[in-house]
C-alpha atoms as a PDB file:
ATOM      1  CA  MET A   1      -7.936 -18.500  13.423  1.00  0.00           C
ATOM      2  CA  LEU A   2     -10.968 -20.357  13.270  1.00  0.00           C
ATOM      3  CA  LEU A   3      -9.522 -22.537  16.122  1.00  0.00           C
ATOM      4  CA  ASN A   4      -8.987 -19.624  18.105  1.00  0.00           C
ATOM      5  CA  LEU A   5     -12.408 -18.548  17.537  1.00  0.00           C
ATOM      6  CA  LEU A   6     -14.063 -21.737  18.676  1.00  0.00           C
ATOM      7  CA  MET A   7     -11.786 -21.834  21.589  1.00  0.00           C
ATOM      8  CA  PHE A   8     -13.008 -18.495  22.655  1.00  0.00           C
ATOM      9  CA  ILE A   9     -16.677 -19.371  22.279  1.00  0.00           C
ATOM     10  CA  ASN A  10     -16.222 -22.384  24.255  1.00  0.00           C
ATOM     11  CA  ALA A  11     -14.435 -20.418  26.965  1.00  0.00           C
ATOM     12  CA  VAL A  12     -16.842 -17.944  27.087  1.00  0.00           C
ATOM     13  CA  ALA A  13     -19.879 -20.498  27.434  1.00  0.00           C
ATOM     14  CA  VAL A  14     -18.149 -22.396  30.231  1.00  0.00           C
ATOM     15  CA  GLU A  15     -17.598 -19.200  32.151  1.00  0.00           C
ATOM     16  CA  ALA A  16     -21.176 -18.287  31.612  1.00  0.00           C
ATOM     17  CA  ALA A  17     -22.497 -21.305  32.668  1.00  0.00           C
ATOM     18  CA  SER A  18     -20.183 -21.311  35.830  1.00  0.00           C
ATOM     19  CA  GLY A  19     -21.148 -17.825  36.520  1.00  0.00           C
ATOM     20  CA  ILE A  20     -24.805 -19.031  36.325  1.00  0.00           C
ATOM     21  CA  SER A  21     -24.337 -22.060  38.605  1.00  0.00           C
ATOM     22  CA  GLU A  22     -22.406 -19.877  41.409  1.00  0.00           C
ATOM     23  CA  ALA A  23     -25.160 -17.091  41.321  1.00  0.00           C
ATOM     24  CA  VAL A  24     -27.912 -19.581  41.602  1.00  0.00           C
ATOM     25  CA  ALA A  25     -25.888 -21.321  44.505  1.00  0.00           C
ATOM     26  CA  SER A  26     -25.430 -17.927  46.233  1.00  0.00           C
ATOM     27  CA  VAL A  27     -29.090 -16.801  45.993  1.00  0.00           C
ATOM     28  CA  SER A  28     -30.652 -20.242  47.247  1.00  0.00           C
ATOM     29  CA  GLY A  29     -29.692 -19.528  50.490  1.00  0.00           C
ATOM     30  CA  LEU A  30     -30.472 -15.941  51.018  1.00  0.00           C
ATOM     31  CA  SER A  31     -33.547 -14.336  52.895  1.00  0.00           C
ATOM     32  CA  PRO A  32     -36.016 -12.000  50.957  1.00  0.00           C
ATOM     33  CA  GLU A  33     -34.283  -9.162  52.392  1.00  0.00           C
ATOM     34  CA  GLN A  34     -30.941 -10.149  51.556  1.00  0.00           C
ATOM     35  CA  LEU A  35     -32.203 -11.026  48.245  1.00  0.00           C
ATOM     36  CA  LYS A  36     -33.487  -7.732  47.691  1.00  0.00           C
ATOM     37  CA  GLN A  37     -30.105  -6.117  48.803  1.00  0.00           C
ATOM     38  CA  ALA A  38     -28.162  -8.336  46.330  1.00  0.00           C
ATOM     39  CA  VAL A  39     -30.716  -7.575  43.545  1.00  0.00           C
ATOM     40  CA  THR A  40     -30.338  -3.897  44.248  1.00  0.00           C
ATOM     41  CA  GLY A  41     -26.659  -4.124  44.078  1.00  0.00           C
ATOM     42  CA  LEU A  42     -26.564  -5.903  41.251  1.00  0.00           C
ATOM     43  CA  VAL A  43     -28.677  -3.358  39.338  1.00  0.00           C
ATOM     44  CA  VAL A  44     -26.746  -0.595  40.607  1.00  0.00           C
ATOM     45  CA  SER A  45     -23.339  -2.112  39.532  1.00  0.00           C
ATOM     46  CA  LEU A  46     -25.042  -3.195  36.072  1.00  0.00           C
ATOM     47  CA  GLY A  47     -26.387   0.678  35.842  1.00  0.00           C
ATOM     48  CA  ILE A  48     -22.966   1.989  36.400  1.00  0.00           C
ATOM     49  CA  LYS A  49     -21.325   0.007  33.710  1.00  0.00           C
ATOM     50  CA  LEU A  50     -24.199   0.740  31.477  1.00  0.00           C
ATOM     51  CA  ILE A  51     -23.367   4.489  32.082  1.00  0.00           C
ATOM     52  CA  LYS A  52     -19.700   3.802  31.475  1.00  0.00           C
ATOM     53  CA  VAL A  53     -20.420   2.267  28.300  1.00  0.00           C
ATOM     54  CA  VAL A  54     -22.774   4.658  27.072  1.00  0.00           C
ATOM     55  CA  LEU A  55     -20.080   7.411  27.841  1.00  0.00           C
ATOM     56  CA  ILE A  56     -17.451   5.494  26.201  1.00  0.00           C
ATOM     57  CA  TRP A  57     -19.314   4.860  23.201  1.00  0.00           C
ATOM     58  CA  TYR A  58     -20.557   8.514  22.555  1.00  0.00           C
ATOM     59  CA  ILE A  59     -17.285  10.198  23.584  1.00  0.00           C
ATOM     60  CA  GLY A  60     -15.273   7.627  21.304  1.00  0.00           C
ATOM     61  CA  ARG A  61     -17.460   8.103  18.394  1.00  0.00           C
ATOM     62  CA  TRP A  62     -17.191  12.062  18.771  1.00  0.00           C
ATOM     63  CA  ILE A  63     -13.410  11.582  18.842  1.00  0.00           C
ATOM     64  CA  THR A  64     -13.389   9.224  15.788  1.00  0.00           C
ATOM     65  CA  ARG A  65     -15.476  11.635  13.824  1.00  0.00           C
ATOM     66  CA  ARG A  66     -13.165  14.395  14.604  1.00  0.00           C
ATOM     67  CA  VAL A  67     -10.369  12.571  13.800  1.00  0.00           C
ATOM     68  CA  VAL A  68     -11.805  11.457  10.301  1.00  0.00           C
ATOM     69  CA  LYS A  69     -12.663  14.933   9.509  1.00  0.00           C
ATOM     70  CA  VAL A  70      -9.302  16.265  10.490  1.00  0.00           C
ATOM     71  CA  THR A  71      -7.536  13.711   8.455  1.00  0.00           C
ATOM     72  CA  LYS A  72      -9.699  14.265   5.267  1.00  0.00           C
ATOM     73  CA  LEU A  73      -9.076  17.772   5.450  1.00  0.00           C
ATOM     74  CA  ILE A  74      -5.141  17.502   5.624  1.00  0.00           C
ATOM     75  CA  MET A  75      -5.571  15.050   2.569  1.00  0.00           C
ATOM     76  CA  GLU A  76      -7.806  17.555   0.771  1.00  0.00           C
ATOM     77  CA  LYS A  77      -5.254  20.321   1.202  1.00  0.00           C
ATOM     78  CA  ARG A  78      -2.591  18.267  -0.198  1.00  0.00           C
ATOM     79  CA  ASP A  79      -4.840  17.177  -2.865  1.00  0.00           C
ATOM     80  CA  VAL A  80      -4.695  13.708  -2.309  1.00  0.00           C
ATOM     81  CA  ASN A  81      -6.583  11.016  -4.751  1.00  0.00           C
ATOM     82  CA  LEU A  82     -10.193  10.805  -3.901  1.00  0.00           C
ATOM     83  CA  SER A  83      -9.946   6.846  -3.558  1.00  0.00           C
ATOM     84  CA  ILE A  84      -7.092   7.201  -1.094  1.00  0.00           C
ATOM     85  CA  ARG A  85      -9.014   9.796   1.128  1.00  0.00           C
ATOM     86  CA  THR A  86     -12.370   7.561   1.078  1.00  0.00           C
ATOM     87  CA  PHE A  87     -10.070   4.615   2.085  1.00  0.00           C
ATOM     88  CA  VAL A  88      -8.250   6.230   4.885  1.00  0.00           C
ATOM     89  CA  GLY A  89     -11.301   7.721   6.251  1.00  0.00           C
ATOM     90  CA  SER A  90     -13.136   4.272   6.374  1.00  0.00           C
ATOM     91  CA  LEU A  91      -9.912   2.474   7.905  1.00  0.00           C
ATOM     92  CA  VAL A  92      -9.513   5.035  10.588  1.00  0.00           C
ATOM     93  CA  ASP A  93     -13.337   4.526  11.433  1.00  0.00           C
ATOM     94  CA  VAL A  94     -13.216   0.815  11.587  1.00  0.00           C
ATOM     95  CA  VAL A  95      -9.877   0.766  13.618  1.00  0.00           C
ATOM     96  CA  SER A  96     -11.541   3.239  16.085  1.00  0.00           C
ATOM     97  CA  MET A  97     -14.838   1.081  16.058  1.00  0.00           C
ATOM     98  CA  ILE A  98     -12.473  -2.106  17.242  1.00  0.00           C
ATOM     99  CA  ILE A  99     -10.645  -0.113  19.640  1.00  0.00           C
ATOM    100  CA  LEU A 100     -14.010   0.948  21.066  1.00  0.00           C
ATOM    101  CA  ILE A 101     -15.507  -2.441  21.373  1.00  0.00           C
ATOM    102  CA  ILE A 102     -12.532  -3.903  23.009  1.00  0.00           C
ATOM    103  CA  MET A 103     -12.945  -0.974  25.624  1.00  0.00           C
ATOM    104  CA  ILE A 104     -16.536  -1.655  26.232  1.00  0.00           C
ATOM    105  CA  ILE A 105     -15.882  -5.320  26.540  1.00  0.00           C
ATOM    106  CA  SER A 106     -13.295  -4.603  29.076  1.00  0.00           C
ATOM    107  CA  VAL A 107     -15.658  -2.422  31.143  1.00  0.00           C
ATOM    108  CA  LEU A 108     -18.130  -4.994  31.318  1.00  0.00           C
ATOM    109  CA  GLY A 109     -15.416  -7.306  32.965  1.00  0.00           C
ATOM    110  CA  ILE A 110     -15.112  -9.697  30.237  1.00  0.00           C
ATOM    111  CA  ASP A 111     -11.403 -10.952  29.513  1.00  0.00           C
ATOM    112  CA  THR A 112     -10.315  -9.182  26.385  1.00  0.00           C
ATOM    113  CA  SER A 113      -7.184 -11.157  25.656  1.00  0.00           C
ATOM    114  CA  SER A 114      -8.968 -13.811  23.567  1.00  0.00           C
ATOM    115  CA  PHE A 115     -10.386 -10.942  21.328  1.00  0.00           C
ATOM    116  CA  ILE A 116      -6.962  -9.372  20.756  1.00  0.00           C
ATOM    117  CA  ALA A 117      -5.537 -12.956  20.122  1.00  0.00           C
ATOM    118  CA  ILE A 118      -8.268 -13.325  17.237  1.00  0.00           C
ATOM    119  CA  PHE A 119      -7.703 -10.036  15.748  1.00  0.00           C
ATOM    120  CA  ALA A 120      -3.769 -10.739  15.756  1.00  0.00           C
ATOM    121  CA  SER A 121      -4.337 -14.158  14.119  1.00  0.00           C
ATOM    122  CA  ALA A 122      -6.578 -12.664  11.528  1.00  0.00           C
ATOM    123  CA  GLY A 123      -4.149  -9.836  10.795  1.00  0.00           C
ATOM    124  CA  VAL A 124      -1.255 -12.240  10.380  1.00  0.00           C
ATOM    125  CA  ALA A 125      -3.536 -14.677   8.111  1.00  0.00           C
ATOM    126  CA  ILE A 126      -4.664 -11.740   5.958  1.00  0.00           C
ATOM    127  CA  GLY A 127      -1.175 -10.250   5.769  1.00  0.00           C
ATOM    128  CA  MET A 128       0.416 -13.741   4.642  1.00  0.00           C
ATOM    129  CA  ALA A 129      -2.431 -14.266   2.046  1.00  0.00           C
ATOM    130  CA  LEU A 130      -2.366 -10.766   0.401  1.00  0.00           C
ATOM    131  CA  SER A 131       1.302  -9.669   0.822  1.00  0.00           C
ATOM    132  CA  GLY A 132       1.766  -9.188  -2.633  1.00  0.00           C
ATOM    133  CA  THR A 133      -1.532  -7.240  -3.176  1.00  0.00           C
ATOM    134  CA  LEU A 134      -0.912  -5.242  -0.023  1.00  0.00           C
ATOM    135  CA  GLN A 135       2.683  -4.278  -1.266  1.00  0.00           C
ATOM    136  CA  ASN A 136       1.118  -3.011  -4.291  1.00  0.00           C
ATOM    137  CA  PHE A 137      -1.716  -1.527  -2.299  1.00  0.00           C
ATOM    138  CA  ALA A 138       0.841   0.432  -0.099  1.00  0.00           C
ATOM    139  CA  GLY A 139       3.056   1.303  -3.237  1.00  0.00           C
ATOM    140  CA  GLY A 140      -0.020   3.000  -4.674  1.00  0.00           C
ATOM    141  CA  VAL A 141      -0.838   4.935  -1.376  1.00  0.00           C
ATOM    142  CA  MET A 142       2.971   6.219  -1.430  1.00  0.00           C
ATOM    143  CA  ILE A 143       2.619   7.225  -5.220  1.00  0.00           C
ATOM    144  CA  LEU A 144      -0.566   9.134  -4.622  1.00  0.00           C
ATOM    145  CA  LEU A 145       0.679  10.653  -1.507  1.00  0.00           C
ATOM    146  CA  PHE A 146       4.158  11.965  -2.457  1.00  0.00           C
ATOM    147  CA  ARG A 147       3.564  12.386  -6.150  1.00  0.00           C
ATOM    148  CA  PRO A 148       6.912  11.364  -7.927  1.00  0.00           C
ATOM    149  CA  PHE A 149       4.802  11.523 -11.119  1.00  0.00           C
ATOM    150  CA  LYS A 150       1.291  12.468 -12.225  1.00  0.00           C
ATOM    151  CA  VAL A 151      -1.064  11.537 -14.913  1.00  0.00           C
ATOM    152  CA  GLY A 152       0.475  12.949 -18.251  1.00  0.00           C
ATOM    153  CA  ASP A 153       4.088  12.599 -17.381  1.00  0.00           C
ATOM    154  CA  PHE A 154       6.626  10.817 -19.541  1.00  0.00           C
ATOM    155  CA  ILE A 155       8.616   8.627 -16.944  1.00  0.00           C
ATOM    156  CA  GLU A 156      10.946   5.698 -16.969  1.00  0.00           C
ATOM    157  CA  ALA A 157      10.359   2.815 -14.236  1.00  0.00           C
ATOM    158  CA  GLN A 158      10.927  -0.682 -14.201  1.00  0.00           C
ATOM    159  CA  GLY A 159      12.791  -0.665 -17.530  1.00  0.00           C
ATOM    160  CA  VAL A 160       9.587   0.544 -19.241  1.00  0.00           C
ATOM    161  CA  SER A 161       9.311   4.417 -20.896  1.00  0.00           C
ATOM    162  CA  GLY A 162       6.065   6.028 -21.751  1.00  0.00           C
ATOM    163  CA  VAL A 163       3.263   8.541 -20.614  1.00  0.00           C
ATOM    164  CA  VAL A 164       1.469   8.010 -17.570  1.00  0.00           C
ATOM    165  CA  LYS A 165      -2.290   7.369 -18.633  1.00  0.00           C
ATOM    166  CA  GLU A 166      -3.663   6.188 -15.023  1.00  0.00           C
ATOM    167  CA  ILE A 167      -2.525   5.827 -11.427  1.00  0.00           C
ATOM    168  CA  GLN A 168      -4.591   3.293  -9.682  1.00  0.00           C
ATOM    169  CA  ILE A 169      -4.622   1.723  -6.246  1.00  0.00           C
ATOM    170  CA  PHE A 170      -2.626  -1.294  -7.497  1.00  0.00           C
ATOM    171  CA  ASN A 171      -0.963  -0.406 -10.834  1.00  0.00           C
ATOM    172  CA  THR A 172       0.095   2.257 -12.950  1.00  0.00           C
ATOM    173  CA  VAL A 173      -0.912   2.458 -16.437  1.00  0.00           C
ATOM    174  CA  ILE A 174       1.764   3.409 -18.997  1.00  0.00           C
ATOM    175  CA  ASN A 175       1.258   4.141 -22.580  1.00  0.00           C
ATOM    176  CA  THR A 176       4.520   3.482 -24.363  1.00  0.00           C
ATOM    177  CA  VAL A 177       5.841   5.471 -27.510  1.00  0.00           C
ATOM    178  CA  ASP A 178       4.807   2.829 -29.942  1.00  0.00           C
ATOM    179  CA  ASN A 179       1.350   2.713 -28.406  1.00  0.00           C
ATOM    180  CA  LYS A 180       1.496  -0.386 -26.042  1.00  0.00           C
ATOM    181  CA  VAL A 181      -0.475  -0.288 -22.753  1.00  0.00           C
ATOM    182  CA  ILE A 182       1.689  -1.780 -19.613  1.00  0.00           C
ATOM    183  CA  LEU A 183       0.495  -1.957 -16.203  1.00  0.00           C
ATOM    184  CA  LEU A 184       3.083  -1.746 -13.732  1.00  0.00           C
ATOM    185  CA  PRO A 185       2.643  -2.908 -10.085  1.00  0.00           C
ATOM    186  CA  ASN A 186       2.821   0.047  -7.677  1.00  0.00           C
ATOM    187  CA  GLY A 187       4.910  -1.880  -5.134  1.00  0.00           C
ATOM    188  CA  PRO A 188       8.079  -2.162  -7.045  1.00  0.00           C
ATOM    189  CA  VAL A 189       7.348   1.207  -8.948  1.00  0.00           C
ATOM    190  CA  SER A 190       7.243   3.007  -5.510  1.00  0.00           C
ATOM    191  CA  THR A 191      10.662   1.382  -4.200  1.00  0.00           C
ATOM    192  CA  GLY A 192      12.487   1.702  -7.759  1.00  0.00           C
ATOM    193  CA  ILE A 193      14.216   4.249  -9.667  1.00  0.00           C
ATOM    194  CA  ILE A 194      11.783   6.590 -11.306  1.00  0.00           C
ATOM    195  CA  ASN A 195      12.943   8.680 -14.062  1.00  0.00           C
ATOM    196  CA  ASN A 196      10.743  11.501 -14.426  1.00  0.00           C
ATOM    197  CA  TYR A 197      11.438  13.318 -17.901  1.00  0.00           C
ATOM    198  CA  SER A 198       8.270  15.734 -17.435  1.00  0.00           C
ATOM    199  CA  ARG A 199       8.963  17.088 -13.948  1.00  0.00           C
ATOM    200  CA  GLU A 200      11.130  19.967 -14.984  1.00  0.00           C
ATOM    201  CA  ALA A 201       9.968  22.993 -17.376  1.00  0.00           C
ATOM    202  CA  LEU A 202      13.516  22.789 -18.980  1.00  0.00           C
ATOM    203  CA  ARG A 203      15.593  19.967 -20.382  1.00  0.00           C
ATOM    204  CA  ARG A 204      19.356  19.933 -21.707  1.00  0.00           C
ATOM    205  CA  VAL A 205      19.953  18.156 -24.932  1.00  0.00           C
ATOM    206  CA  ASP A 206      23.502  16.514 -25.383  1.00  0.00           C
ATOM    207  CA  PHE A 207      25.185  15.763 -28.560  1.00  0.00           C
ATOM    208  CA  SER A 208      28.383  14.301 -29.761  1.00  0.00           C
ATOM    209  CA  PHE A 209      29.812  15.256 -33.130  1.00  0.00           C
ATOM    210  CA  SER A 210      32.904  13.850 -34.582  1.00  0.00           C
ATOM    211  CA  ILE A 211      35.143  15.259 -37.479  1.00  0.00           C
ATOM    212  CA  LYS A 212      38.307  13.663 -38.974  1.00  0.00           C
ATOM    213  CA  TYR A 213      41.839  14.195 -37.674  1.00  0.00           C
ATOM    214  CA  GLY A 214      43.294  17.111 -39.526  1.00  0.00           C
ATOM    215  CA  ASP A 215      39.926  19.115 -40.090  1.00  0.00           C
ATOM    216  CA  ASP A 216      39.902  22.524 -38.132  1.00  0.00           C
ATOM    217  CA  PHE A 217      38.199  22.240 -34.775  1.00  0.00           C
ATOM    218  CA  GLU A 218      37.864  26.087 -34.483  1.00  0.00           C
ATOM    219  CA  LYS A 219      35.900  26.046 -37.844  1.00  0.00           C
ATOM    220  CA  ALA A 220      33.802  23.269 -36.818  1.00  0.00           C
ATOM    221  CA  LYS A 221      32.975  25.009 -33.342  1.00  0.00           C
ATOM    222  CA  ALA A 222      32.054  28.062 -35.166  1.00  0.00           C
ATOM    223  CA  VAL A 223      29.765  26.384 -37.487  1.00  0.00           C
ATOM    224  CA  LEU A 224      27.957  24.590 -34.526  1.00  0.00           C
ATOM    225  CA  LEU A 225      27.482  27.896 -32.789  1.00  0.00           C
ATOM    226  CA  LYS A 226      26.070  29.657 -35.699  1.00  0.00           C
ATOM    227  CA  LEU A 227      23.676  26.547 -36.464  1.00  0.00           C
ATOM    228  CA  ILE A 228      22.585  26.708 -32.712  1.00  0.00           C
ATOM    229  CA  ALA A 229      22.113  30.555 -32.698  1.00  0.00           C
ATOM    230  CA  GLU A 230      19.743  30.153 -35.683  1.00  0.00           C
ATOM    231  CA  ASP A 231      17.312  27.942 -33.706  1.00  0.00           C
ATOM    232  CA  ALA A 232      15.116  30.147 -31.599  1.00  0.00           C
ATOM    233  CA  ARG A 233      14.267  27.265 -29.324  1.00  0.00           C
ATOM    234  CA  VAL A 234      17.518  27.285 -28.127  1.00  0.00           C
ATOM    235  CA  LEU A 235      17.758  29.017 -24.492  1.00  0.00           C
ATOM    236  CA  ASP A 236      20.462  31.115 -22.884  1.00  0.00           C
ATOM    237  CA  THR A 237      19.661  30.106 -19.421  1.00  0.00           C
ATOM    238  CA  PRO A 238      20.319  28.146 -17.159  1.00  0.00           C
ATOM    239  CA  ALA A 239      23.381  28.029 -19.156  1.00  0.00           C
ATOM    240  CA  ALA A 240      24.515  29.261 -22.580  1.00  0.00           C
ATOM    241  CA  PRO A 241      25.225  27.047 -25.402  1.00  0.00           C
ATOM    242  CA  PHE A 242      28.356  24.678 -24.908  1.00  0.00           C
ATOM    243  CA  VAL A 243      30.480  23.524 -27.542  1.00  0.00           C
ATOM    244  CA  GLU A 244      33.974  22.182 -26.757  1.00  0.00           C
ATOM    245  CA  LEU A 245      36.414  19.320 -27.798  1.00  0.00           C
ATOM    246  CA  GLY A 246      35.397  16.432 -25.756  1.00  0.00           C
ATOM    247  CA  ALA A 247      37.545  13.465 -26.652  1.00  0.00           C
ATOM    248  CA  LEU A 248      40.524  12.594 -28.953  1.00  0.00           C
ATOM    249  CA  SER A 249      39.174   8.956 -30.238  1.00  0.00           C
ATOM    250  CA  THR A 250      40.804   6.241 -32.184  1.00  0.00           C
ATOM    251  CA  SER A 251      39.621   7.706 -35.630  1.00  0.00           C
ATOM    252  CA  SER A 252      37.902  10.806 -34.705  1.00  0.00           C
ATOM    253  CA  ILE A 253      37.919  14.046 -32.733  1.00  0.00           C
ATOM    254  CA  ASN A 254      34.647  14.216 -30.822  1.00  0.00           C
ATOM    255  CA  ILE A 255      33.016  17.497 -30.149  1.00  0.00           C
ATOM    256  CA  THR A 256      30.570  17.900 -27.199  1.00  0.00           C
ATOM    257  CA  VAL A 257      27.615  20.021 -27.575  1.00  0.00           C
ATOM    258  CA  ARG A 258      24.944  20.789 -24.731  1.00  0.00           C
ATOM    259  CA  VAL A 259      22.202  23.135 -25.093  1.00  0.00           C
ATOM    260  CA  TRP A 260      19.090  24.112 -23.112  1.00  0.00           C
ATOM    261  CA  CYS A 261      15.546  24.026 -24.422  1.00  0.00           C
ATOM    262  CA  LYS A 262      11.842  24.073 -23.022  1.00  0.00           C
ATOM    263  CA  GLN A 263      10.484  20.374 -22.236  1.00  0.00           C
ATOM    264  CA  GLU A 264       8.322  20.324 -25.434  1.00  0.00           C
ATOM    265  CA  ASP A 265      11.128  21.265 -27.785  1.00  0.00           C
ATOM    266  CA  TYR A 266      13.475  18.455 -26.817  1.00  0.00           C
ATOM    267  CA  TRP A 267      13.217  15.989 -29.593  1.00  0.00           C
ATOM    268  CA  GLY A 268      12.598  18.702 -32.195  1.00  0.00           C
ATOM    269  CA  ILE A 269      15.897  20.257 -31.259  1.00  0.00           C
ATOM    270  CA  TYR A 270      17.709  16.897 -31.005  1.00  0.00           C
ATOM    271  CA  PHE A 271      16.752  15.589 -34.492  1.00  0.00           C
ATOM    272  CA  ASP A 272      16.816  19.047 -36.591  1.00  0.00           C
ATOM    273  CA  LEU A 273      20.617  19.941 -35.202  1.00  0.00           C
ATOM    274  CA  ASN A 274      21.445  16.296 -36.343  1.00  0.00           C
ATOM    275  CA  LYS A 275      19.802  16.970 -39.748  1.00  0.00           C
ATOM    276  CA  LYS A 276      21.592  20.401 -39.878  1.00  0.00           C
ATOM    277  CA  VAL A 277      25.009  19.296 -39.046  1.00  0.00           C
ATOM    278  CA  TYR A 278      24.879  16.188 -41.556  1.00  0.00           C
ATOM    279  CA  GLU A 279      23.983  18.941 -44.295  1.00  0.00           C
ATOM    280  CA  THR A 280      26.368  21.749 -43.202  1.00  0.00           C
ATOM    281  CA  PHE A 281      29.446  20.076 -42.253  1.00  0.00           C
ATOM    282  CA  PRO A 282      30.380  18.845 -45.874  1.00  0.00           C
ATOM    283  CA  LYS A 283      29.728  22.322 -47.406  1.00  0.00           C
ATOM    284  CA  GLU A 284      32.155  23.702 -44.753  1.00  0.00           C
ATOM    285  CA  GLY A 285      34.722  21.014 -45.567  1.00  0.00           C
ATOM    286  CA  LEU A 286      34.462  19.129 -42.501  1.00  0.00           C
ATOM    287  CA  ASN A 287      34.435  15.463 -42.843  1.00  0.00           C
ATOM    288  CA  PHE A 288      32.892  12.883 -41.055  1.00  0.00           C
ATOM    289  CA  PRO A 289      35.135  10.089 -39.721  1.00  0.00           C
ATOM    290  CA  TYR A 290      35.095   6.515 -40.844  1.00  0.00           C
ATOM    291  CA  GLN A 291      36.640   3.817 -38.548  1.00  0.00           C
ATOM    292  CA  THR A 292      40.170   3.084 -40.053  1.00  0.00           C
ATOM    293  CA  LEU A 293      42.989   0.582 -39.293  1.00  0.00           C
ATOM    294  CA  THR A 294      46.643   1.266 -39.960  1.00  0.00           C
ATOM    295  CA  VAL A 295      48.818  -1.467 -40.919  1.00  0.00           C
ATOM    296  CA  ASN A 296      52.415  -1.281 -40.874  1.00  0.00           C
ATOM    297  CA  VAL A 297      54.372  -4.076 -42.819  1.00  0.00           C
ATOM    298  CA  ASN A 298      58.144  -4.686 -42.216  1.00  0.00           C
ATOM    299  CA  LYS A 299      60.277  -6.007 -45.308  1.00  0.00           C
END
């Protein structure tokens, strides 16, 4: 990039020197009247170019301000994070300014290919140097724009579970259940699988209870339905409580239980029903199985 800049400056200097020499040579042989006409033509030409430059500048800046304003209004309606709104507005303004400068240079008759080459080289160099940082920044923008989760949600991402404390431009701050603070880079988070446990108002709690072979399944089912009915936190929508024989395992009969509840009642129902089943099944003559091994001996 530095080499391109030096080459560009050298080329401009050589071209300027050549232009001055040609101008001096062309003017030296002119009569006063011809010189007056040449100067007048030059002034008119420069005046027209100056008018074009002024018009391009003011019209371009007016359009830029309108674009920035509309962009910010759209992001405000979508409730985009303030830092993102500010950054995008500044980015649009800077890009528009660069385009205006290139257009003005072109109107003045200066070759813009060197400028474009410099900007391209600078973009490549910056992109290579900040590839990881730019990936995290882009991930942060995507998270703040599309909102797969928000502050206060309990999520699982990149093998980490916890409550979202902050969504920053480059990182997402997670507070785990054992009160550890973990910073997740936004790049991998935005492109990976995100499990948002707080997104929906209702959750389904799944259980699997086991009884011994020979125990009465229908009785176990009736006991489970009774325990579930006694818990006011269990909901009948979007589906009624489900209790059915799930599997005939090696040493046990496994009963599948599914109930729906509010998001905030999930763990309370999960732990309470497990405790009630442990206390109630033995009183009802239902036995919890143990892993067994049958050995047949032939004489």
